[in-house]
């Protein structure tokens, strides 16, 4: 079965065409700068080479049309017609409490996703535009929604509730939802397969660390706690997001400087994190280069970044009553050797011991980086959210 996976953002659409019979990616790429005059499509050929096609001003429907055009292009395409696409799977960021698993897209589901707009005002509307674009261009093809928040719906109330007046939960839906759920689900399952252990009898912490980042406690295959909250701003220090912060800081700044809620949203989401502290970049490669060049502010920021990860891993190990596996994934988790080493070093008291030579050689590949003597297995597992979306889509569509 050939599944087209779409990940629609506010100004971009990423795609993969996956043959779920073999789990092989047939085509991938994306449209960027949607809504601007210099929009473009970039795609990867089967031989690994890349190409860019200038599109100019396009909306999301035009972006999806451009993707379908390149997939069926006589020279660059990998299919002859739309008819070869059996279904489309969509990444949907926020499902609220309505969805604890992936679902077939229906009018009712679309309305429920729209009901979550206040919880994800930047993401869910874009996700819906992708669904509507496919409906317009390929009205007969079944579509499936796969939710970032669904994996975390197994969290108990003690993990997802905030200590605010209860009416804010019942009337406004204010609670911790968590994100990156599709990634945490994939890498936890894949790590268990890779290590040959039973996920249903395992205490695992999965660290999805990139420009955005979150950590999840996976107990016997289920999410029981995660670092992101109502929004993706809570938790780890990220590229431009603040992560955990005393809420009193925000009210203090609003009163002192006259900031509006929109100002605060901008500051905590786009001007904070590693970029805000270093005033250099949100790119960890540039920050590590600055550290190596002797930049003290960059060193403090990197120490802060790593300490927050250590705190969450330690807290979740305590919460689960022990720890069997630590998984690193995401752009930083898969590639930044120093971050992995510095996070694991203080966890030696729990029996974590990594092989420094193996760790130093590991970038973007499935690898066991702990020593044989380590009581906790430490692995690098590249995430593949698109494959998980494709598998969910196949399962749902096959049952129709």
Protein backbone atom coordinates (compact mmCIF):
# COMPACT_ATOMS: atom_id res chain seq x y z
CA UNK A 1 0.00 0.00 0.00
CA UNK A 2 1.34 3.44 -0.95
CA UNK A 3 0.67 6.07 1.71
CA UNK A 4 1.29 9.80 1.25
CA UNK A 5 2.21 11.37 4.59
CA UNK A 6 1.68 15.13 4.95
CA UNK A 7 2.91 17.42 7.72
CA UNK A 8 1.38 20.85 7.16
CA UNK A 9 2.75 23.85 9.02
CA UNK A 10 1.68 27.46 8.84
CA UNK A 11 4.04 28.19 5.93
CA UNK A 12 5.27 24.76 4.86
CA UNK A 13 4.15 21.28 3.82
CA UNK A 14 6.51 18.33 4.27
CA UNK A 15 5.74 15.02 2.59
CA UNK A 16 6.84 11.41 2.24
CA UNK A 17 5.42 8.72 0.00
CA UNK A 18 5.92 5.38 1.75
CA UNK A 19 5.34 1.84 0.52
CA UNK A 20 4.06 0.21 3.69
CA UNK A 21 4.54 -3.30 2.29
CA UNK A 22 8.30 -2.73 2.50
CA UNK A 23 8.49 0.39 4.76
CA UNK A 24 10.46 1.99 1.92
CA UNK A 25 10.35 5.74 1.30
CA UNK A 26 9.61 6.26 -2.39
CA UNK A 27 9.79 10.06 -2.39
CA UNK A 28 10.18 12.93 0.08
CA UNK A 29 10.47 16.68 0.19
CA UNK A 30 8.44 19.73 0.99
CA UNK A 31 7.11 23.13 0.03
CA UNK A 32 8.39 26.13 1.96
CA UNK A 33 7.50 29.83 2.19
CA UNK A 34 3.81 29.26 1.46
CA UNK A 35 2.03 32.58 1.11
CA UNK A 36 5.17 34.41 0.01
CA UNK A 37 6.29 35.34 -3.48
CA UNK A 38 9.41 33.15 -3.25
CA UNK A 39 7.74 29.84 -2.36
CA UNK A 40 9.55 26.73 -3.53
CA UNK A 41 9.40 22.92 -3.59
CA UNK A 42 12.46 20.89 -2.69
CA UNK A 43 12.59 17.14 -3.14
CA UNK A 44 15.04 14.25 -2.93
CA UNK A 45 15.61 11.85 -5.80
CA UNK A 46 16.03 8.10 -5.39
CA UNK A 47 19.81 8.49 -5.81
CA UNK A 48 19.93 10.96 -2.89
CA UNK A 49 20.41 14.09 -5.00
CA UNK A 50 18.19 17.08 -4.29
CA UNK A 51 16.33 19.53 -6.51
CA UNK A 52 14.53 22.82 -5.93
CA UNK A 53 11.57 24.02 -7.99
CA UNK A 54 10.54 27.67 -7.75
CA UNK A 55 6.77 28.01 -7.24
CA UNK A 56 6.22 31.67 -6.43
CA UNK A 57 3.08 32.58 -4.51
CA UNK A 58 1.07 29.49 -3.50
CA UNK A 59 -1.44 28.63 -0.80
CA UNK A 60 -1.65 25.23 0.94
CA UNK A 61 -3.85 23.78 -1.81
CA UNK A 62 -1.32 24.94 -4.40
CA UNK A 63 1.49 23.44 -2.32
CA UNK A 64 -0.24 20.05 -2.16
CA UNK A 65 -0.94 20.27 -5.90
CA UNK A 66 2.77 20.94 -6.53
CA UNK A 67 3.66 17.87 -4.44
CA UNK A 68 1.24 15.68 -6.41
CA UNK A 69 2.63 17.10 -9.65
CA UNK A 70 6.21 16.17 -8.78
CA UNK A 71 5.17 12.70 -7.60
CA UNK A 72 3.56 12.03 -10.97
CA UNK A 73 6.07 13.92 -13.12
CA UNK A 74 7.23 11.73 -16.06
CA UNK A 75 10.89 12.51 -15.34
CA UNK A 76 11.12 13.14 -11.59
CA UNK A 77 8.11 11.24 -10.29
CA UNK A 78 7.82 7.75 -8.82
CA UNK A 79 4.16 7.05 -9.64
CA UNK A 80 2.17 7.39 -12.86
CA UNK A 81 -1.06 8.79 -11.42
CA UNK A 82 -2.84 9.83 -8.23
CA UNK A 83 -4.64 6.48 -8.35
CA UNK A 84 -1.50 4.79 -7.04
CA UNK A 85 -1.86 6.67 -3.74
CA UNK A 86 -4.00 4.41 -1.57
CA UNK A 87 -4.44 6.81 1.37
CA UNK A 88 -3.11 10.01 2.94
CA UNK A 89 -1.95 10.24 6.54
CA UNK A 90 -1.81 13.65 8.22
CA UNK A 91 0.18 14.76 11.22
CA UNK A 92 -2.26 16.66 13.46
CA UNK A 93 -0.64 18.46 16.37
CA UNK A 94 -3.40 18.77 18.96
CA UNK A 95 -6.23 16.34 19.58
CA UNK A 96 -7.09 17.56 23.08
CA UNK A 97 -8.83 14.87 25.13
CA UNK A 98 -10.94 13.84 22.14
CA UNK A 99 -8.41 11.50 20.50
CA UNK A 100 -6.29 8.80 22.12
CA UNK A 101 -5.44 7.10 18.82
CA UNK A 102 -5.30 7.77 15.09
CA UNK A 103 -8.65 8.07 13.29
CA UNK A 104 -10.22 8.09 9.84
CA UNK A 105 -10.90 11.68 8.81
CA UNK A 106 -14.62 12.48 8.72
CA UNK A 107 -16.61 15.71 8.90
CA UNK A 108 -17.08 15.08 12.62
CA UNK A 109 -13.34 14.59 13.16
CA UNK A 110 -12.57 17.79 11.24
CA UNK A 111 -14.93 19.73 13.50
CA UNK A 112 -13.34 18.23 16.62
CA UNK A 113 -9.88 19.22 15.39
CA UNK A 114 -11.20 22.72 14.77
CA UNK A 115 -12.56 22.75 18.32
CA UNK A 116 -8.92 22.40 19.43
CA UNK A 117 -7.83 25.55 17.55
CA UNK A 118 -7.54 27.60 20.78
CA UNK A 119 -5.08 25.00 22.13
CA UNK A 120 -2.88 25.01 19.01
CA UNK A 121 -3.62 28.21 17.07
CA UNK A 122 -0.50 27.96 14.88
CA UNK A 123 -0.63 24.25 14.09
CA UNK A 124 -4.16 22.84 13.91
CA UNK A 125 -5.49 25.32 11.32
CA UNK A 126 -2.55 24.45 9.07
CA UNK A 127 -3.21 20.73 9.57
CA UNK A 128 -6.84 21.25 8.51
CA UNK A 129 -5.78 23.14 5.37
CA UNK A 130 -3.81 20.07 4.31
CA UNK A 131 -6.82 17.82 4.85
CA UNK A 132 -9.05 20.19 2.90
CA UNK A 133 -6.52 20.41 0.07
CA UNK A 134 -6.47 16.62 -0.35
CA UNK A 135 -10.27 16.53 -0.17
CA UNK A 136 -10.43 19.03 -3.03
CA UNK A 137 -7.76 17.39 -5.18
CA UNK A 138 -8.36 13.70 -4.40
CA UNK A 139 -11.90 13.49 -3.00
CA UNK A 140 -12.09 9.69 -3.11
CA UNK A 141 -8.87 8.88 -1.26
CA UNK A 142 -9.27 7.97 2.45
CA UNK A 143 -7.47 10.22 4.93
CA UNK A 144 -6.26 9.49 8.46
CA UNK A 145 -5.33 11.89 11.26
CA UNK A 146 -2.42 10.95 13.55
CA UNK A 147 -2.20 13.15 16.64
CA UNK A 148 0.94 14.38 18.43
CA UNK A 149 -0.98 14.33 21.70
CA UNK A 150 -2.61 10.88 21.41
CA UNK A 151 0.26 8.81 22.87
CA UNK A 152 0.16 10.87 26.06
CA UNK A 153 -3.53 10.26 26.73
CA UNK A 154 -2.47 7.35 28.97
CA UNK A 155 -1.01 9.80 31.50
CA UNK A 156 -2.74 9.63 34.90
CA UNK A 157 -4.42 12.71 36.33
CA UNK A 158 -1.56 13.29 38.76
CA UNK A 159 0.70 13.83 35.73
CA UNK A 160 -1.56 15.91 33.51
CA UNK A 161 -3.35 18.18 35.99
CA UNK A 162 -2.16 21.67 36.90
CA UNK A 163 -2.70 22.95 40.44
CA UNK A 164 -4.99 25.72 39.21
CA UNK A 165 -8.66 26.20 40.11
CA UNK A 166 -10.38 23.06 38.82
CA UNK A 167 -12.84 25.05 36.72
CA UNK A 168 -10.04 25.94 34.31
CA UNK A 169 -9.74 22.24 33.52
CA UNK A 170 -13.46 21.51 33.23
CA UNK A 171 -14.42 24.73 31.42
CA UNK A 172 -11.29 25.61 29.43
CA UNK A 173 -9.46 22.32 28.97
CA UNK A 174 -6.35 23.58 30.76
CA UNK A 175 -4.16 20.54 31.46
CA UNK A 176 -0.93 18.99 30.27
CA UNK A 177 -1.31 17.26 26.91
CA UNK A 178 2.27 16.66 25.78
CA UNK A 179 3.58 16.60 22.21
CA UNK A 180 5.98 14.66 19.96
CA UNK A 181 3.82 11.67 20.86
CA UNK A 182 4.22 9.97 17.49
CA UNK A 183 8.01 10.18 17.83
CA UNK A 184 8.02 8.92 21.43
CA UNK A 185 5.75 6.04 20.45
CA UNK A 186 7.93 5.09 17.48
CA UNK A 187 11.31 5.22 19.25
CA UNK A 188 10.07 3.40 22.36
CA UNK A 189 8.75 0.56 20.22
CA UNK A 190 11.80 0.52 17.97
CA UNK A 191 14.22 0.64 20.93
CA UNK A 192 12.56 -2.42 22.46
CA UNK A 193 12.80 -4.27 19.12
CA UNK A 194 16.43 -3.21 18.67
CA UNK A 195 17.40 -4.35 22.18
CA UNK A 196 15.28 -7.50 22.08
CA UNK A 197 13.35 -6.63 25.23
CA UNK A 198 9.65 -6.67 26.10
CA UNK A 199 8.28 -3.13 25.96
CA UNK A 200 5.34 -4.22 28.13
CA UNK A 201 7.75 -4.93 30.99
CA UNK A 202 10.16 -2.01 30.70
CA UNK A 203 10.90 1.34 32.32
CA UNK A 204 12.09 3.67 29.57
CA UNK A 205 12.82 7.39 29.18
CA UNK A 206 12.71 8.70 25.62
CA UNK A 207 14.52 11.96 24.91
CA UNK A 208 13.33 13.68 21.72
CA UNK A 209 15.85 16.52 21.56
CA UNK A 210 16.03 18.93 18.68
CA UNK A 211 15.18 22.59 18.09
CA UNK A 212 12.05 21.60 19.96
CA UNK A 213 12.43 18.96 22.64
CA UNK A 214 10.52 16.79 25.06
CA UNK A 215 11.16 13.86 27.35
CA UNK A 216 8.66 11.09 28.12
CA UNK A 217 8.45 8.46 30.84
CA UNK A 218 7.31 5.26 29.09
CA UNK A 219 6.24 2.62 31.62
CA UNK A 220 5.40 -0.77 30.15
CA UNK A 221 4.82 0.80 26.75
CA UNK A 222 2.60 3.67 27.88
CA UNK A 223 3.32 7.36 28.42
CA UNK A 224 2.91 8.15 32.12
CA UNK A 225 4.52 11.60 32.12
CA UNK A 226 6.01 14.01 29.61
CA UNK A 227 7.78 17.36 29.76
CA UNK A 228 5.60 19.46 27.45
CA UNK A 229 2.29 20.73 28.75
CA UNK A 230 -0.78 22.58 27.51
CA UNK A 231 1.48 23.94 24.79
CA UNK A 232 4.91 22.91 23.44
CA UNK A 233 6.52 25.70 25.49
CA UNK A 234 6.81 23.81 28.80
CA UNK A 235 9.68 21.55 29.79
CA UNK A 236 13.16 21.49 28.28
CA UNK A 237 15.15 24.51 27.19
CA UNK A 238 14.74 24.53 23.41
CA UNK A 239 16.10 26.41 20.43
CA UNK A 240 13.89 29.47 20.91
CA UNK A 241 11.38 28.30 23.56
CA UNK A 242 11.91 29.06 27.22
CA UNK A 243 10.82 25.73 28.71
CA UNK A 244 10.03 25.65 32.43
CA UNK A 245 9.85 29.13 33.93
CA UNK A 246 8.34 30.64 37.07
CA UNK A 247 4.97 32.06 35.89
CA UNK A 248 5.58 34.94 38.26
CA UNK A 249 8.44 36.03 35.97
CA UNK A 250 5.96 36.56 33.15
CA UNK A 251 3.50 38.63 35.18
CA UNK A 252 6.44 40.62 36.58
CA UNK A 253 7.68 41.44 33.07
CA UNK A 254 4.17 42.33 31.89
CA UNK A 255 3.71 44.78 34.76
CA UNK A 256 7.23 46.23 34.54
CA UNK A 257 7.42 46.69 30.75
CA UNK A 258 3.77 46.83 29.77
CA UNK A 259 4.03 43.70 27.65
CA UNK A 260 0.82 42.35 26.14
CA UNK A 261 -0.05 38.63 26.05
CA UNK A 262 1.06 38.62 22.40
CA UNK A 263 4.41 40.09 23.45
CA UNK A 264 4.90 37.38 26.05
CA UNK A 265 3.92 34.66 23.58
CA UNK A 266 6.52 35.96 21.15
CA UNK A 267 9.22 36.19 23.82
CA UNK A 268 8.74 32.72 25.31
CA UNK A 269 8.29 30.95 21.97
CA UNK A 270 10.55 32.78 19.52
CA UNK A 271 13.09 34.84 21.47
CA UNK A 272 14.08 32.62 24.40
CA UNK A 273 15.77 29.26 24.80
CA UNK A 274 19.30 28.82 23.53
CA UNK A 275 18.97 31.72 21.09
CA UNK A 276 17.81 34.04 23.86
CA UNK A 277 20.52 33.14 26.36
CA UNK A 278 23.45 32.94 23.94
CA UNK A 279 22.33 35.73 21.58
CA UNK A 280 24.22 33.64 18.99
CA UNK A 281 21.89 31.08 17.48
CA UNK A 282 19.31 28.39 18.13
CA UNK A 283 21.51 25.91 16.25
CA UNK A 284 23.36 23.61 18.65
CA UNK A 285 26.23 23.16 16.19
CA UNK A 286 26.93 26.90 16.22
CA UNK A 287 26.58 27.02 20.00
CA UNK A 288 29.03 24.14 20.49
CA UNK A 289 31.46 25.90 18.14
CA UNK A 290 31.14 29.03 20.29
CA UNK A 291 31.80 26.98 23.44
CA UNK A 292 34.92 25.49 21.85
CA UNK A 293 36.03 29.02 20.96
CA UNK A 294 35.81 30.04 24.63
CA UNK A 295 32.48 31.90 24.66
CA UNK A 296 31.43 31.83 28.34
CA UNK A 297 27.77 32.69 27.71
CA UNK A 298 27.48 29.84 25.27
CA UNK A 299 29.01 27.50 27.85
CA UNK A 300 26.50 28.58 30.51
CA UNK A 301 23.63 28.10 28.06
CA UNK A 302 24.84 24.62 27.10
CA UNK A 303 25.21 23.71 30.78
CA UNK A 304 21.64 24.89 31.38
CA UNK A 305 20.38 22.91 28.40
CA UNK A 306 22.01 19.68 29.53
CA UNK A 307 21.06 20.12 33.17
CA UNK A 308 17.37 20.38 32.30
CA UNK A 309 17.57 17.07 30.41
CA UNK A 310 19.36 15.42 33.34
CA UNK A 311 16.68 16.67 35.77
CA UNK A 312 13.85 15.20 33.71
CA UNK A 313 15.56 11.84 33.18
CA UNK A 314 16.28 11.58 36.90
CA UNK A 315 12.78 12.66 37.88
CA UNK A 316 11.12 10.15 35.56
CA UNK A 317 13.37 7.34 36.78
CA UNK A 318 12.24 8.14 40.32
CA UNK A 319 8.61 8.36 39.21
CA UNK A 320 8.73 4.92 37.60
CA UNK A 321 10.71 3.37 40.44
CA UNK A 322 13.73 2.61 38.30
CA UNK A 323 15.04 2.77 34.76
CA UNK A 324 15.93 0.14 32.15
CA UNK A 325 16.50 2.17 28.97
CA UNK A 326 17.34 5.74 27.91
CA UNK A 327 16.64 6.61 24.27
CA UNK A 328 18.13 9.60 22.45
CA UNK A 329 16.43 10.82 19.28
CA UNK A 330 15.80 14.04 17.34
CA UNK A 331 18.36 16.26 15.64
CA UNK A 332 20.41 16.88 18.78
CA UNK A 333 19.79 13.51 20.40
CA UNK A 334 20.88 11.63 17.29
CA UNK A 335 23.91 13.75 16.37
CA UNK A 336 25.35 15.77 19.27
CA UNK A 337 27.91 13.46 20.85
CA UNK A 338 28.85 15.87 23.64
CA UNK A 339 25.29 16.42 24.80
CA UNK A 340 24.69 12.68 25.15
CA UNK A 341 27.91 12.20 27.10
CA UNK A 342 27.31 15.14 29.41
CA UNK A 343 23.73 14.08 30.11
CA UNK A 344 24.70 10.50 30.95
CA UNK A 345 27.77 11.28 33.09
CA UNK A 346 25.88 12.46 36.23
CA UNK A 347 23.51 9.49 35.96
CA UNK A 348 26.27 7.05 36.89
CA UNK A 349 24.77 6.66 40.35
CA UNK A 350 21.83 4.88 38.63
CA UNK A 351 24.18 2.55 36.79
CA UNK A 352 24.35 4.53 33.53
CA UNK A 353 27.68 4.04 31.81
CA UNK A 354 28.23 4.91 28.16
CA UNK A 355 31.02 3.70 25.89
CA UNK A 356 32.70 6.98 24.99
CA UNK A 357 34.35 5.61 21.86
CA UNK A 358 31.11 4.17 20.49
CA UNK A 359 29.23 7.32 21.43
CA UNK A 360 31.80 9.52 19.66
CA UNK A 361 31.25 7.61 16.40
CA UNK A 362 27.45 7.56 16.56
CA UNK A 363 25.50 10.03 14.49
CA UNK A 364 22.05 9.30 13.11
CA UNK A 365 22.25 5.51 13.33
CA UNK A 366 20.63 2.93 15.60
CA UNK A 367 23.36 2.20 18.14
CA UNK A 368 23.75 0.88 21.67
CA UNK A 369 26.10 3.40 23.24
CA UNK A 370 26.17 2.03 26.81
CA UNK A 371 28.84 -0.40 28.01
CA UNK A 372 28.11 -4.08 28.74
CA UNK A 373 28.47 -3.25 32.46
CA UNK A 374 25.86 -0.47 32.36
CA UNK A 375 22.73 -1.37 34.36
CA UNK A 376 20.74 0.99 32.10
CA UNK A 377 20.81 0.49 28.35
CA UNK A 378 21.43 3.74 26.44
CA UNK A 379 20.55 3.77 22.75
CA UNK A 380 20.38 6.19 19.85
CA UNK A 381 17.27 5.56 17.73
CA UNK A 382 16.62 7.91 14.76
CA UNK A 383 12.98 8.88 14.84
CA UNK A 384 10.64 8.19 11.95
CA UNK A 385 7.31 9.85 12.64
CA UNK A 386 6.30 9.58 8.99
CA UNK A 387 6.67 5.79 9.03
CA UNK A 388 4.54 5.59 12.17
CA UNK A 389 1.88 7.78 10.52
CA UNK A 390 1.99 5.58 7.40
CA UNK A 391 1.59 2.41 9.48
CA UNK A 392 -1.36 3.83 11.41
CA UNK A 393 -2.95 4.94 8.15
CA UNK A 394 -2.51 1.51 6.57
CA UNK A 395 -4.04 -0.20 9.61
CA UNK A 396 -7.11 2.02 9.64
CA UNK A 397 -7.66 2.01 5.89
CA UNK A 398 -7.19 -1.76 5.64
CA UNK A 399 -10.07 -2.24 8.07
CA UNK A 400 -12.53 -0.24 5.95
